[in-house]
Amino acid sequence: MLIKVRAKAGARNESLKKVADRYDISVREKAEGGMANARVLSLLARELGVTPKKLLIIKGQRSPSKTIRVHE
C-alpha cells in the first residue's frame, strides 16, 4: 500500500490530518539528519496501527511531499 504525505518540519505544534488522498503531518523536529522524517514515520505508524519499521519513504526523502510504502 502506498500513502502520500505532505510534511512540515519545524512546526510549533505536532499534528496529523487526513486530507482527501493524503496525510498532512506537522512535526517539531527540524529537517536535519533525518530527524523530521523519523518523527513523520512514527506519527503515521501510530495512526495506521503498525510499527515504524513497516514504513519506508520511497519518494521525497528530502522533500515535503513524500510517498510512503506500508509493508504488511
Protein backbone atom coordinates (compact mmCIF):
# COMPACT_ATOMS: atom_id res chain seq x y z
CA MET A 1 0.00 0.00 0.00
CA LEU A 2 1.28 3.50 -0.86
CA ILE A 3 0.44 6.62 1.16
CA LYS A 4 1.02 10.22 0.12
CA VAL A 5 2.18 12.63 2.82
CA ARG A 6 2.74 16.37 2.94
CA ALA A 7 5.17 17.04 5.80
CA LYS A 8 6.06 20.26 7.57
CA ALA A 9 9.22 20.22 9.70
CA GLY A 10 9.99 22.70 12.49
CA ALA A 11 6.33 23.34 13.34
CA ARG A 12 5.26 24.82 16.65
CA ASN A 13 2.76 22.01 17.28
CA GLU A 14 2.60 18.45 16.00
CA SER A 15 -0.47 17.42 14.05
CA LEU A 16 -1.68 14.73 11.70
CA LYS A 17 -4.71 15.27 9.44
CA LYS A 18 -6.21 13.15 6.68
CA VAL A 19 -6.96 15.42 3.71
CA ALA A 20 -8.57 13.80 0.65
CA ASP A 21 -5.99 11.27 -0.62
CA ARG A 22 -3.05 12.24 1.61
CA TYR A 23 -1.96 12.97 5.17
CA ASP A 24 -0.78 16.41 6.27
CA ILE A 25 1.74 15.95 9.08
CA SER A 26 3.49 18.69 11.08
CA VAL A 27 6.41 17.79 13.36
CA ARG A 28 8.55 19.82 15.75
CA GLU A 29 11.85 18.31 14.62
CA LYS A 30 13.94 20.23 12.11
CA ALA A 31 14.65 18.77 8.67
CA GLU A 32 18.24 17.90 9.58
CA GLY A 33 19.82 14.48 9.77
CA GLY A 34 16.58 12.67 9.04
CA MET A 35 15.04 13.61 12.41
CA ALA A 36 11.86 15.06 10.89
CA ASN A 37 11.40 12.05 8.60
CA ALA A 38 11.77 9.67 11.55
CA ARG A 39 9.10 11.57 13.50
CA VAL A 40 6.77 11.65 10.47
CA LEU A 41 7.09 7.87 10.18
CA SER A 42 6.48 7.48 13.90
CA LEU A 43 3.28 9.54 13.88
CA LEU A 44 1.99 7.85 10.73
CA ALA A 45 2.74 4.39 12.14
CA ARG A 46 0.74 5.19 15.27
CA GLU A 47 -2.18 6.40 13.12
CA LEU A 48 -2.11 3.24 10.98
CA GLY A 49 -1.56 0.85 13.90
CA VAL A 50 1.75 -0.55 12.65
CA THR A 51 5.37 -0.27 13.81
CA PRO A 52 7.57 2.44 12.20
CA LYS A 53 9.78 -0.34 10.77
CA LYS A 54 6.89 -1.31 8.47
CA LEU A 55 7.03 2.13 6.76
CA LEU A 56 9.51 3.18 4.11
CA ILE A 57 9.85 6.53 2.34
CA ILE A 58 10.20 5.56 -1.31
CA LYS A 59 9.97 9.06 -2.79
CA GLY A 60 10.59 12.51 -1.32
CA GLN A 61 13.26 11.79 1.28
CA ARG A 62 14.37 15.44 1.09
CA SER A 63 11.05 16.98 0.07
CA PRO A 64 7.86 17.94 1.93
CA SER A 65 5.84 15.75 -0.48
CA LYS A 66 6.53 12.11 0.28
CA THR A 67 5.32 8.70 -0.87
CA ILE A 68 5.48 6.06 1.84
CA ARG A 69 5.13 2.31 1.38
CA VAL A 70 3.49 0.23 4.12
CA HIS A 71 4.88 -3.31 4.36
CA GLU A 72 2.43 -5.83 5.79
